[in-house]
Amino acid sequence: QVQLVESGGGSVQTGGSLRLSCAASGRIFSIFSIDVMGWYRQAPGQQRELVADIISGSSTNYADSVKGRFTISRDNTMNTVFLQMNSLKPEDTAVYYCNVKVRGLNYWGQGTQVTVSS
């Protein structure tokens, strides 16, 4: 059974920082390497959107809205992905979801709330 356990969400003021973590566990990860780890977010009334992802070779991809403010990284030995979020803005307020892709399969975390107040 696959589990993605997220942590690090919370409430901050504009300009603040948060660090999200997501640890993936499950038998499949002991058999196959994780292809892509990433973070998506969904604000109320909005579609879920990609924030950032990182492939196994450490190549990264960011949404234009977070470039220069957010940094994604991963620890392959621990099957963990991190999202360092700096200079947070009210428009970053959303539920953030961890996503893991393995052999064409998609797995999602339960989501963690990030709220940025002005």
Protein backbone atom coordinates (compact mmCIF):
# COMPACT_ATOMS: atom_id res chain seq x y z
CA GLN A 1 0.00 0.00 0.00
CA VAL A 2 1.35 3.40 -1.00
CA GLN A 3 1.39 6.25 1.48
CA LEU A 4 2.42 9.84 0.90
CA VAL A 5 2.71 11.70 4.19
CA GLU A 6 2.88 15.47 3.91
CA SER A 7 3.89 17.96 6.56
CA GLY A 8 4.88 21.58 6.93
CA GLY A 9 1.78 23.51 5.93
CA GLY A 10 0.43 26.35 8.01
CA SER A 11 -0.36 30.04 8.14
CA VAL A 12 2.11 32.83 7.54
CA GLN A 13 2.07 36.50 6.67
CA THR A 14 3.05 37.91 3.31
CA GLY A 15 6.79 37.57 2.81
CA GLY A 16 7.08 34.61 5.13
CA SER A 17 8.46 31.15 4.46
CA LEU A 18 7.30 27.57 4.81
CA ARG A 19 8.90 24.24 4.02
CA LEU A 20 6.75 21.33 2.90
CA SER A 21 7.87 17.72 3.13
CA CYS A 22 6.40 14.56 1.64
CA ALA A 23 7.63 11.08 2.46
CA ALA A 24 6.59 8.22 0.19
CA SER A 25 6.37 4.67 1.46
CA GLY A 26 5.17 1.41 0.00
CA ARG A 27 6.42 -1.79 -1.51
CA ILE A 28 6.46 -0.41 -5.03
CA PHE A 29 9.20 2.03 -4.04
CA SER A 30 11.47 -0.79 -2.96
CA ILE A 31 11.10 -2.33 -6.42
CA PHE A 32 11.09 0.68 -8.72
CA SER A 33 12.76 4.07 -8.51
CA ILE A 34 10.47 7.07 -8.37
CA ASP A 35 10.41 8.83 -11.75
CA VAL A 36 9.01 12.20 -10.73
CA MET A 37 8.17 13.83 -7.41
CA GLY A 38 6.26 17.05 -7.32
CA TRP A 39 3.89 19.47 -5.68
CA TYR A 40 0.55 20.67 -6.98
CA ARG A 41 -1.85 23.14 -5.42
CA GLN A 42 -5.53 23.88 -5.57
CA ALA A 43 -7.12 27.10 -4.42
CA PRO A 44 -10.88 27.33 -3.75
CA GLY A 45 -12.80 27.36 -7.01
CA GLN A 46 -9.65 26.76 -9.02
CA GLN A 47 -8.23 23.77 -10.85
CA ARG A 48 -5.31 21.88 -9.42
CA GLU A 49 -2.08 23.19 -10.89
CA LEU A 50 1.53 22.13 -10.95
CA VAL A 51 3.76 24.11 -8.62
CA ALA A 52 7.05 22.30 -9.16
CA ASP A 53 8.40 18.87 -9.90
CA ILE A 54 11.74 17.13 -9.98
CA ILE A 55 12.74 14.06 -11.92
CA SER A 56 15.09 11.36 -10.71
CA GLY A 57 18.08 13.05 -12.31
CA SER A 58 17.33 16.24 -10.35
CA SER A 59 16.02 18.24 -13.31
CA THR A 60 13.38 20.65 -12.03
CA ASN A 61 10.33 22.37 -13.43
CA TYR A 62 8.49 25.33 -11.86
CA ALA A 63 5.30 27.22 -12.50
CA ASP A 64 6.09 30.74 -13.66
CA SER A 65 4.27 32.17 -10.64
CA VAL A 66 6.72 30.60 -8.17
CA LYS A 67 10.03 30.82 -10.03
CA GLY A 68 12.68 32.49 -7.93
CA ARG A 69 10.66 32.03 -4.72
CA PHE A 70 10.15 28.28 -4.37
CA THR A 71 12.77 25.54 -4.47
CA ILE A 72 12.02 21.84 -4.87
CA SER A 73 14.45 19.14 -3.83
CA ARG A 74 14.38 15.43 -3.15
CA ASP A 75 16.16 12.83 -1.10
CA ASN A 76 16.12 9.67 -3.16
CA THR A 77 17.40 7.51 -0.32
CA MET A 78 14.39 8.50 1.79
CA ASN A 79 11.85 8.84 -1.05
CA THR A 80 11.14 12.32 0.22
CA VAL A 81 10.45 15.55 -1.62
CA PHE A 82 10.69 19.04 -0.18
CA LEU A 83 9.32 22.40 -1.22
CA GLN A 84 10.96 25.47 0.26
CA MET A 85 8.60 28.40 -0.17
CA ASN A 86 9.96 31.90 0.38
CA SER A 87 8.50 35.35 -0.16
CA LEU A 88 5.03 33.92 0.12
CA LYS A 89 2.11 35.89 -1.27
CA PRO A 90 -1.63 35.73 -0.54
CA GLU A 91 -2.14 34.20 -3.98
CA ASP A 92 -0.07 31.21 -2.85
CA THR A 93 -2.90 30.28 -0.49
CA ALA A 94 -4.10 26.80 -1.43
CA VAL A 95 -4.11 23.16 -0.49
CA TYR A 96 -0.77 21.72 -1.57
CA TYR A 97 -0.64 18.11 -2.75
CA CYS A 98 2.38 15.88 -3.06
CA ASN A 99 2.51 13.79 -6.24
CA VAL A 100 4.69 10.82 -7.10
CA LYS A 101 4.94 9.10 -10.48
CA VAL A 102 6.26 5.56 -10.71
CA ARG A 103 6.16 3.46 -13.87
CA GLY A 104 3.29 5.49 -15.26
CA LEU A 105 1.29 5.35 -12.03
CA ASN A 106 0.24 8.50 -10.17
CA TYR A 107 0.03 8.74 -6.40
CA TRP A 108 -1.27 11.68 -4.35
CA GLY A 109 -0.91 12.86 -0.80
CA GLN A 110 -3.86 13.97 1.29
CA GLY A 111 -3.00 17.65 0.94
CA THR A 112 -1.75 20.27 3.36
CA GLN A 113 -3.18 23.75 3.74
CA VAL A 114 -1.00 26.79 3.16
CA THR A 115 -2.54 30.14 4.06
CA VAL A 116 -0.79 33.45 3.44
CA SER A 117 -2.34 36.55 4.97
CA SER A 118 -1.72 40.11 3.85
